[in-house]
Amino acid sequence: MLYYGRGAVNDVIDRAQMKRALFEALDKLGPRTKVLAIPPDFTRFHSQAGLLTQYVWEYYGDRLAAVLPALGTHSPMTPAQIHEMFGEMPLALFKPHDWRNDVVTLGAVPPAYVSEITEGKLDFDWPVQVNKLLVEGGFDLILSLGQVVPHEVIGMANYNKNVFVGTGGASAINRSHFVGAVYGMERIMGRADTPVRKLFNYGSDHFGHLLPETVYVQTVVGRAQGGGMAVRGLFVGSDIEVFQRAAALSLEVNFEIVPKPFQKCVVYLDPSEFKSTWLGNKAVYRTRMAMADGGELLILAPGVKEFGEDAQIDALIRKYGYFGTPKTLAAVKANADLQANLGAAAHLIHGSSEGRFGITYAPGHLTREEIEGAGFKYADVRAMMARYNPAALKDGVNVMPDGEEIFYISNPAIGLWAVRERFQS
């Protein structure tokens, strides 16, 4: 059921309108006694989910019993990040998600279905896993909040991904990521109907009844005229219609068909958001369908200090590097550590250009040896930030003083770029 839906490419939904709309939708749900909110973590700061979660707290008061950020494999939020994203909400409300230990399995998608949706490439089962708090917490409502935006693993982020990956377990996350990588990320990005989405929809259809009533609060956010972000859509509902409406709008708001391939693309990673290549490689994912053969992608990454978001994944990235699909699949076949961490293997595939274009990282805290050992080229961040000053560049085409033409992107997480021949919706 759709409880609220509004959005258009040029619409601007301000804070007061968002609050009224959310309260209107929550009124329709009727009285609740114990509510769980599942917003994204700090890596989705621009989603407006932090603000919406504050409104949920204002609406329910003490009946909002817990907030479980949908960390997936990401690092737990710090108190400072919680304060910045969620304002004055009590820290005691926030519960960390441990993707390796704090999960229960609701059921499994059978191997035959996985084989069907992956065109016979894979035939394992897929466990439908969630944080045990969702099952054991005694809640009578789960509010899943977040942004629908093009995504490299599933096609379009959010909806039941927020539950089954954001609060999911190691096996579910690893296998779903591997499904996306093996199927092909360029066949997935920007599409609402993908093999990975089919996994999650199967989980919702067959095992969703084992969870409390779940309602999705979805935003669509784009760049505002004059800089900053604008909320272009807000959709609240309990079934797939809420996602389909938001995904259709996001494709209009967040996806840009460019007239010619990028010979040189410069992407800036805000240090408050991007501290690892695990996250920073959105610069690779979101531009790859726009990059020219033989082109160069330069990633300005002053905050990047590690490869993975946890020590085990970081070690695997350092060991195997971003060297393309054939080498990664061979490594999976030959090595038990990658077999046990298929999500890391998928990430290694996603982060490679497959030799089609160059990727240069200018990191704030990783050395040349570390960057080159992982399969990227290295550049000095100070020199690159001096030449390509984010404060002086505008999103889109820029011509440098010496005549060099670049395409600049200030935040890769909010968009997807492609030449038309590489994207057919």
Protein backbone atom coordinates (compact mmCIF):
# COMPACT_ATOMS: atom_id res chain seq x y z
CA MET A 1 0.00 0.00 0.00
CA LEU A 2 1.22 3.50 -0.83
CA TYR A 3 0.62 5.87 2.06
CA TYR A 4 2.21 8.92 0.47
CA GLY A 5 3.76 9.69 -2.88
CA ARG A 6 5.04 12.92 -4.34
CA GLY A 7 7.86 13.69 -6.74
CA ALA A 8 8.99 15.23 -9.99
CA VAL A 9 12.29 16.14 -11.62
CA ASN A 10 11.99 19.82 -10.71
CA ASP A 11 10.03 19.40 -7.48
CA VAL A 12 11.56 20.68 -4.24
CA ILE A 13 10.19 19.22 -1.02
CA ASP A 14 11.38 21.33 1.90
CA ARG A 15 11.76 20.21 5.51
CA ALA A 16 8.34 21.40 6.65
CA GLN A 17 6.68 19.61 3.74
CA MET A 18 8.63 16.41 4.44
CA LYS A 19 7.58 16.48 8.09
CA ARG A 20 3.91 17.05 7.27
CA ALA A 21 3.96 14.30 4.65
CA LEU A 22 5.62 11.80 6.97
CA PHE A 23 3.23 12.57 9.82
CA GLU A 24 0.30 12.20 7.42
CA ALA A 25 1.57 8.76 6.38
CA LEU A 26 2.23 7.65 9.97
CA ASP A 27 -1.28 8.74 10.97
CA LYS A 28 -2.63 6.27 8.42
CA LEU A 29 -0.73 3.41 10.09
CA GLY A 30 -2.68 3.79 13.32
CA PRO A 31 -1.40 3.54 16.90
CA ARG A 32 1.88 1.74 17.54
CA THR A 33 3.53 0.81 20.83
CA LYS A 34 7.07 -0.26 19.91
CA VAL A 35 8.77 1.00 16.72
CA LEU A 36 12.15 0.19 15.16
CA ALA A 37 13.71 2.64 12.69
CA ILE A 38 16.27 1.40 10.15
CA PRO A 39 17.95 4.38 8.48
CA PRO A 40 21.20 4.26 6.47
CA ASP A 41 24.53 5.05 8.09
CA PHE A 42 26.71 8.12 7.67
CA THR A 43 27.80 7.06 4.17
CA ARG A 44 24.26 8.00 3.03
CA PHE A 45 24.26 11.34 4.84
CA HIS A 46 22.66 13.18 1.90
CA SER A 47 19.67 10.82 1.82
CA GLN A 48 17.78 13.03 4.32
CA ALA A 49 17.08 9.84 6.27
CA GLY A 50 18.74 11.39 9.32
CA LEU A 51 16.23 14.22 9.31
CA LEU A 52 13.31 11.86 8.64
CA THR A 53 14.41 9.64 11.55
CA GLN A 54 14.35 12.71 13.79
CA TYR A 55 10.77 13.34 12.66
CA VAL A 56 9.91 9.71 13.46
CA TRP A 57 11.30 10.25 16.97
CA GLU A 58 9.27 13.44 17.32
CA TYR A 59 6.11 11.63 16.20
CA TYR A 60 6.43 8.50 18.33
CA GLY A 61 8.46 9.75 21.29
CA ASP A 62 9.21 6.88 23.69
CA ARG A 63 7.40 4.46 21.38
CA LEU A 64 10.45 4.66 19.10
CA ALA A 65 12.32 1.95 20.96
CA ALA A 66 15.46 1.59 18.83
CA VAL A 67 17.33 2.86 15.78
CA LEU A 68 19.41 0.28 13.89
CA PRO A 69 21.55 1.96 11.20
CA ALA A 70 21.72 -0.27 8.12
CA LEU A 71 25.48 -0.72 8.24
CA GLY A 72 25.80 -3.83 6.12
CA THR A 73 29.58 -4.33 6.10
CA HIS A 74 30.37 -0.70 6.97
CA SER A 75 32.05 0.48 10.15
CA PRO A 76 29.78 1.34 13.09
CA MET A 77 28.79 4.98 13.37
CA THR A 78 30.70 7.11 15.83
CA PRO A 79 28.88 9.30 18.38
CA ALA A 80 29.99 12.36 16.39
CA GLN A 81 28.51 10.93 13.18
CA ILE A 82 25.27 10.05 14.94
CA HIS A 83 25.01 13.58 16.30
CA GLU A 84 25.72 15.14 12.91
CA MET A 85 23.22 12.96 11.07
CA PHE A 86 20.50 12.52 13.70
CA GLY A 87 20.73 15.69 15.75
CA GLU A 88 19.78 15.52 19.42
CA MET A 89 18.36 12.00 19.39
CA PRO A 90 19.61 10.01 22.43
CA LEU A 91 22.67 7.90 21.73
CA ALA A 92 21.13 5.06 23.74
CA LEU A 93 18.52 4.57 21.00
CA PHE A 94 21.18 3.57 18.46
CA LYS A 95 22.14 -0.08 18.15
CA PRO A 96 25.12 -1.35 16.13
CA HIS A 97 24.68 -4.06 13.52
CA ASP A 98 27.27 -6.85 13.57
CA TRP A 99 26.98 -8.49 10.15
CA ARG A 100 29.07 -11.47 11.19
CA ASN A 101 27.30 -12.42 14.41
CA ASP A 102 23.98 -10.64 15.12
CA VAL A 103 21.80 -12.28 12.46
CA VAL A 104 19.07 -14.84 12.10
CA THR A 105 18.09 -16.71 8.93
CA LEU A 106 14.42 -16.52 7.96
CA GLY A 107 14.66 -18.96 5.06
CA ALA A 108 16.46 -19.44 1.76
CA VAL A 109 16.02 -18.73 -1.91
CA PRO A 110 16.53 -22.11 -3.63
CA PRO A 111 19.51 -22.77 -5.92
CA ALA A 112 17.24 -23.39 -8.92
CA TYR A 113 15.88 -19.85 -8.69
CA VAL A 114 19.38 -18.38 -8.31
CA SER A 115 20.43 -20.31 -11.41
CA GLU A 116 17.39 -19.04 -13.30
CA ILE A 117 17.99 -15.36 -12.56
CA THR A 118 21.75 -15.55 -13.20
CA GLU A 119 21.37 -17.29 -16.55
CA GLY A 120 22.91 -20.45 -15.14
CA LYS A 121 26.10 -18.78 -13.89
CA LEU A 122 25.49 -19.57 -10.19
CA ASP A 123 23.49 -22.24 -8.40
CA PHE A 124 23.94 -21.75 -4.66
CA ASP A 125 21.05 -20.94 -2.34
CA TRP A 126 20.67 -17.44 -0.90
CA PRO A 127 19.91 -17.13 2.81
CA VAL A 128 17.36 -14.49 3.79
CA GLN A 129 19.04 -12.95 6.83
CA VAL A 130 18.27 -10.01 9.13
CA ASN A 131 19.56 -8.66 12.40
CA LYS A 132 18.05 -10.70 15.22
CA LEU A 133 16.63 -7.52 16.75
CA LEU A 134 14.04 -7.39 13.96
CA VAL A 135 12.69 -10.80 14.96
CA GLU A 136 13.28 -10.85 18.71
CA GLY A 137 12.71 -7.20 19.61
CA GLY A 138 8.94 -7.33 20.02
CA PHE A 139 8.30 -4.46 17.58
CA ASP A 140 4.91 -3.81 16.04
CA LEU A 141 6.34 -1.60 13.27
CA ILE A 142 9.61 -1.38 11.35
CA LEU A 143 10.26 1.86 9.48
CA SER A 144 12.96 1.44 6.83
CA LEU A 145 14.17 4.87 5.75
CA GLY A 146 16.53 5.78 2.92
CA GLN A 147 17.27 7.07 -0.54
CA VAL A 148 16.56 5.40 -3.87
CA VAL A 149 19.53 6.09 -6.14
CA PRO A 150 21.44 4.15 -8.84
CA HIS A 151 23.55 1.42 -7.25
CA GLU A 152 26.35 -0.80 -8.48
CA VAL A 153 25.30 -4.10 -6.85
CA ILE A 154 21.53 -4.09 -7.12
CA GLY A 155 20.74 -1.50 -9.79
CA MET A 156 18.73 0.93 -7.67
CA ALA A 157 19.41 1.20 -3.94
CA ASN A 158 17.03 0.79 -1.04
CA TYR A 159 13.61 -0.77 -0.45
CA ASN A 160 14.15 -4.32 0.88
CA LYS A 161 17.92 -4.03 0.31
CA ASN A 162 17.98 -1.79 3.37
CA VAL A 163 16.72 -4.75 5.43
CA PHE A 164 18.30 -7.80 3.79
CA VAL A 165 21.75 -6.25 3.23
CA GLY A 166 21.76 -3.29 5.61
CA THR A 167 20.89 -5.58 8.52
CA GLY A 168 21.90 -8.83 6.78
CA GLY A 169 24.55 -11.41 7.53
CA ALA A 170 27.86 -12.36 5.99
CA SER A 171 26.54 -15.15 3.79
CA ALA A 172 23.62 -13.11 2.44
CA ILE A 173 25.76 -10.05 1.74
CA ASN A 174 28.60 -12.01 0.18
CA ARG A 175 26.40 -14.07 -2.11
CA SER A 176 24.13 -11.24 -3.22
CA HIS A 177 27.13 -9.08 -4.11
CA PHE A 178 28.65 -11.97 -6.05
CA VAL A 179 25.41 -12.49 -7.98
CA GLY A 180 25.59 -8.87 -9.12
CA ALA A 181 29.26 -9.05 -10.05
CA VAL A 182 28.97 -12.28 -12.02
CA TYR A 183 25.85 -11.10 -13.84
CA GLY A 184 27.64 -7.86 -14.78
CA MET A 185 27.39 -4.49 -13.09
CA GLU A 186 26.95 -2.58 -16.33
CA ARG A 187 23.82 -4.66 -16.98
CA ILE A 188 22.55 -3.77 -13.52
CA MET A 189 23.29 -0.13 -12.64
CA GLY A 190 20.31 2.19 -12.93
CA ARG A 191 17.81 -0.64 -13.40
CA ALA A 192 15.02 -1.44 -10.98
CA ASP A 193 14.53 -5.07 -12.09
CA THR A 194 17.77 -7.03 -11.69
CA PRO A 195 18.82 -10.50 -10.49
CA VAL A 196 19.86 -9.12 -7.10
CA ARG A 197 16.56 -7.30 -6.69
CA LYS A 198 14.76 -10.53 -7.59
CA LEU A 199 16.59 -12.26 -4.71
CA PHE A 200 15.38 -9.67 -2.23
CA ASN A 201 11.85 -9.65 -3.62
CA TYR A 202 11.73 -13.44 -3.28
CA GLY A 203 12.81 -12.98 0.34
CA SER A 204 10.07 -10.41 0.96
CA ASP A 205 7.38 -12.46 -0.78
CA HIS A 206 8.17 -15.75 0.94
CA PHE A 207 9.53 -14.74 4.35
CA GLY A 208 8.46 -11.15 4.97
CA HIS A 209 5.54 -12.38 7.08
CA LEU A 210 8.09 -13.51 9.70
CA LEU A 211 8.94 -9.86 10.40
CA PRO A 212 6.83 -7.13 12.00
CA GLU A 213 4.91 -4.91 9.60
CA THR A 214 7.53 -3.04 7.55
CA VAL A 215 6.93 0.34 5.97
CA TYR A 216 9.43 2.05 3.66
CA VAL A 217 10.14 5.79 3.68
CA GLN A 218 12.04 6.55 0.46
CA THR A 219 13.56 9.80 -0.77
CA VAL A 220 14.87 10.83 -4.17
CA VAL A 221 17.58 13.48 -3.84
CA GLY A 222 19.30 15.45 -6.59
CA ARG A 223 21.52 18.46 -6.99
CA ALA A 224 19.86 21.80 -6.37
CA GLN A 225 20.32 24.80 -8.61
CA GLY A 226 23.13 26.89 -7.22
CA GLY A 227 24.68 23.96 -5.34
CA GLY A 228 23.67 21.70 -2.50
CA MET A 229 21.00 19.02 -2.52
CA ALA A 230 17.26 19.09 -3.08
CA VAL A 231 14.65 16.45 -2.20
CA ARG A 232 12.81 15.74 -5.45
CA GLY A 233 10.59 12.93 -4.20
CA LEU A 234 9.18 11.33 -1.05
CA PHE A 235 7.35 8.01 -1.08
CA VAL A 236 5.99 6.05 1.89
CA GLY A 237 4.52 2.58 1.49
CA SER A 238 4.55 -1.08 2.46
CA ASP A 239 5.01 -2.88 -0.86
CA ILE A 240 7.00 -2.73 -4.07
CA GLU A 241 4.98 0.18 -5.48
CA VAL A 242 6.83 2.56 -3.16
CA PHE A 243 10.13 1.42 -4.64
CA GLN A 244 8.96 1.42 -8.24
CA ARG A 245 7.67 4.99 -7.96
CA ALA A 246 10.90 6.21 -6.36
CA ALA A 247 13.13 4.28 -8.77
CA ALA A 248 11.39 5.73 -11.83
CA LEU A 249 11.90 9.24 -10.49
CA SER A 250 15.52 8.57 -9.47
CA LEU A 251 16.35 7.49 -13.00
CA GLU A 252 15.20 10.92 -14.18
CA VAL A 253 16.88 12.85 -11.35
CA ASN A 254 20.15 10.98 -10.76
CA PHE A 255 21.07 9.54 -14.15
CA GLU A 256 22.85 11.59 -16.77
CA ILE A 257 23.34 10.54 -20.38
CA VAL A 258 26.46 12.36 -21.58
CA PRO A 259 26.95 13.31 -25.23
CA LYS A 260 30.48 11.92 -25.52
CA PRO A 261 32.74 9.63 -23.48
CA PHE A 262 34.99 11.14 -20.82
CA GLN A 263 38.62 11.29 -21.88
CA LYS A 264 39.47 12.73 -18.47
CA CYS A 265 37.15 12.54 -15.47
CA VAL A 266 38.00 13.97 -12.06
CA VAL A 267 35.94 12.79 -9.07
CA TYR A 268 36.16 14.31 -5.60
CA LEU A 269 35.53 12.19 -2.50
CA ASP A 270 34.44 14.29 0.47
CA PRO A 271 36.69 13.21 3.36
CA SER A 272 33.77 13.23 5.80
CA GLU A 273 32.04 10.55 3.68
CA PHE A 274 34.79 8.51 2.01
CA LYS A 275 37.56 6.94 4.07
CA SER A 276 38.07 3.68 2.16
CA THR A 277 38.26 2.45 -1.42
CA TRP A 278 35.36 0.13 -0.47
CA LEU A 279 33.22 3.28 -0.49
CA GLY A 280 35.39 5.51 -2.68
CA ASN A 281 35.20 3.18 -5.64
CA LYS A 282 31.76 4.62 -6.31
CA ALA A 283 33.91 6.96 -8.40
CA VAL A 284 34.69 3.94 -10.59
CA TYR A 285 31.26 2.31 -10.57
CA ARG A 286 29.18 5.38 -11.36
CA THR A 287 31.40 6.71 -14.18
CA ARG A 288 32.51 3.52 -15.91
CA MET A 289 29.73 3.58 -18.52
CA ALA A 290 30.79 7.11 -19.48
CA MET A 291 34.54 6.55 -19.61
CA ALA A 292 36.25 6.49 -23.00
CA ASP A 293 38.41 3.54 -23.97
CA GLY A 294 41.90 4.60 -22.97
CA GLY A 295 40.51 7.47 -20.89
CA GLU A 296 41.68 8.48 -17.41
CA LEU A 297 39.72 8.59 -14.16
CA LEU A 298 41.40 10.63 -11.42
CA ILE A 299 40.00 10.18 -7.92
CA LEU A 300 40.76 12.95 -5.42
CA ALA A 301 40.52 11.10 -2.11
CA PRO A 302 41.93 13.21 0.75
CA GLY A 303 40.12 11.16 3.40
CA VAL A 304 40.92 7.66 2.12
CA LYS A 305 43.04 5.80 4.66
CA GLU A 306 42.18 2.13 4.06
CA PHE A 307 40.83 -0.28 1.48
CA GLY A 308 38.15 -2.21 3.37
CA GLU A 309 35.69 -1.12 6.02
CA ASP A 310 36.82 -3.91 8.33
CA ALA A 311 40.22 -5.53 8.90
CA GLN A 312 39.42 -8.83 7.19
CA ILE A 313 38.09 -7.23 4.00
CA ASP A 314 40.93 -4.72 3.98
CA ALA A 315 43.45 -7.57 4.09
CA LEU A 316 41.76 -9.37 1.20
CA ILE A 317 41.79 -6.26 -1.00
CA ARG A 318 45.47 -5.73 -0.26
CA LYS A 319 46.20 -9.38 -1.04
CA TYR A 320 44.31 -9.73 -4.33
CA GLY A 321 43.82 -6.17 -5.65
CA TYR A 322 41.60 -4.76 -8.37
CA PHE A 323 42.86 -6.70 -11.39
CA GLY A 324 39.71 -7.55 -13.32
CA THR A 325 37.12 -10.28 -13.59
CA PRO A 326 39.16 -13.21 -15.01
CA LYS A 327 41.94 -12.87 -12.44
CA THR A 328 39.49 -12.41 -9.58
CA LEU A 329 37.37 -15.41 -10.55
CA ALA A 330 40.52 -17.52 -10.83
CA ALA A 331 41.54 -16.35 -7.36
CA VAL A 332 38.11 -17.28 -5.99
CA LYS A 333 38.42 -20.76 -7.47
CA ALA A 334 41.88 -21.26 -5.99
CA ASN A 335 41.64 -19.61 -2.57
CA ALA A 336 39.46 -20.48 0.40
CA ASP A 337 39.67 -16.99 1.91
CA LEU A 338 37.97 -15.44 -1.13
CA GLN A 339 35.48 -18.29 -1.36
CA ALA A 340 34.44 -17.41 2.19
CA ASN A 341 34.18 -13.71 1.31
CA LEU A 342 32.41 -13.51 -2.03
CA GLY A 343 31.36 -9.92 -1.30
CA ALA A 344 35.00 -8.92 -1.28
CA ALA A 345 35.54 -10.78 -4.54
CA ALA A 346 32.60 -8.95 -6.06
CA HIS A 347 34.05 -5.64 -4.90
CA LEU A 348 37.37 -6.43 -6.56
CA ILE A 349 35.54 -7.02 -9.84
CA HIS A 350 33.49 -3.86 -9.48
CA GLY A 351 36.55 -1.73 -8.75
CA SER A 352 38.46 -2.72 -11.87
CA SER A 353 38.14 -1.02 -15.24
CA GLU A 354 38.96 -4.40 -16.82
CA GLY A 355 41.88 -2.61 -18.45
CA ARG A 356 39.57 -0.41 -20.54
CA PHE A 357 40.54 2.92 -18.92
CA GLY A 358 43.07 4.11 -16.37
CA ILE A 359 42.24 4.67 -12.69
CA THR A 360 44.47 6.96 -10.64
CA TYR A 361 43.96 7.43 -6.92
CA ALA A 362 45.24 10.49 -5.07
CA PRO A 363 44.71 9.36 -1.47
CA GLY A 364 45.24 11.34 1.68
CA HIS A 365 46.68 8.53 3.78
CA LEU A 366 47.69 5.54 1.63
CA THR A 367 51.16 5.25 0.12
CA ARG A 368 52.18 4.81 -3.49
CA GLU A 369 53.17 1.23 -2.74
CA GLU A 370 49.77 0.44 -1.24
CA ILE A 371 47.81 2.00 -4.09
CA GLU A 372 49.91 0.45 -6.86
CA GLY A 373 49.88 -2.89 -5.07
CA ALA A 374 46.08 -2.87 -5.28
CA GLY A 375 46.17 -2.29 -9.03
CA PHE A 376 45.63 1.47 -9.31
CA LYS A 377 47.92 4.25 -10.42
CA TYR A 378 49.03 6.74 -7.76
CA ALA A 379 49.13 10.53 -7.69
CA ASP A 380 50.09 12.98 -4.96
CA VAL A 381 46.93 14.35 -3.40
CA ARG A 382 48.37 17.79 -2.67
CA ALA A 383 49.55 18.31 -6.22
CA MET A 384 46.28 17.04 -7.69
CA MET A 385 44.12 19.12 -5.34
CA ALA A 386 46.15 22.19 -6.26
CA ARG A 387 45.60 21.59 -9.97
CA TYR A 388 42.00 20.38 -9.72
CA ASN A 389 40.68 22.50 -6.86
CA PRO A 390 37.18 21.26 -5.92
CA ALA A 391 36.25 24.72 -4.71
CA ALA A 392 36.96 26.17 -8.16
CA LEU A 393 35.40 23.45 -10.33
CA LYS A 394 31.77 23.02 -11.30
CA ASP A 395 30.01 19.73 -11.85
CA GLY A 396 30.24 18.83 -15.52
CA VAL A 397 32.65 19.99 -18.20
CA ASN A 398 35.51 22.28 -17.13
CA VAL A 399 38.34 23.65 -19.26
CA MET A 400 41.56 24.12 -17.31
CA PRO A 401 43.80 27.17 -17.86
CA ASP A 402 46.16 25.15 -20.07
CA GLY A 403 43.26 23.96 -22.24
CA GLU A 404 42.78 20.49 -20.71
CA GLU A 405 39.11 19.50 -20.72
CA ILE A 406 37.83 17.46 -17.79
CA PHE A 407 34.46 16.25 -16.58
CA TYR A 408 34.19 16.97 -12.85
CA ILE A 409 31.96 15.17 -10.34
CA SER A 410 31.74 16.51 -6.80
CA ASN A 411 29.98 13.47 -5.30
CA PRO A 412 29.73 10.16 -7.19
CA ALA A 413 27.28 8.67 -4.70
CA ILE A 414 24.32 10.73 -5.91
CA GLY A 415 24.49 9.94 -9.61
CA LEU A 416 25.19 7.67 -12.54
CA TRP A 417 26.76 8.75 -15.81
CA ALA A 418 26.80 6.90 -19.14
CA VAL A 419 26.98 7.34 -22.87
CA ARG A 420 23.78 6.15 -24.48
CA GLU A 421 25.26 3.13 -26.21
CA ARG A 422 26.37 1.67 -22.86
CA PHE A 423 22.98 2.04 -21.17
CA GLN A 424 19.70 0.65 -22.43
CA SER A 425 16.98 0.79 -19.79
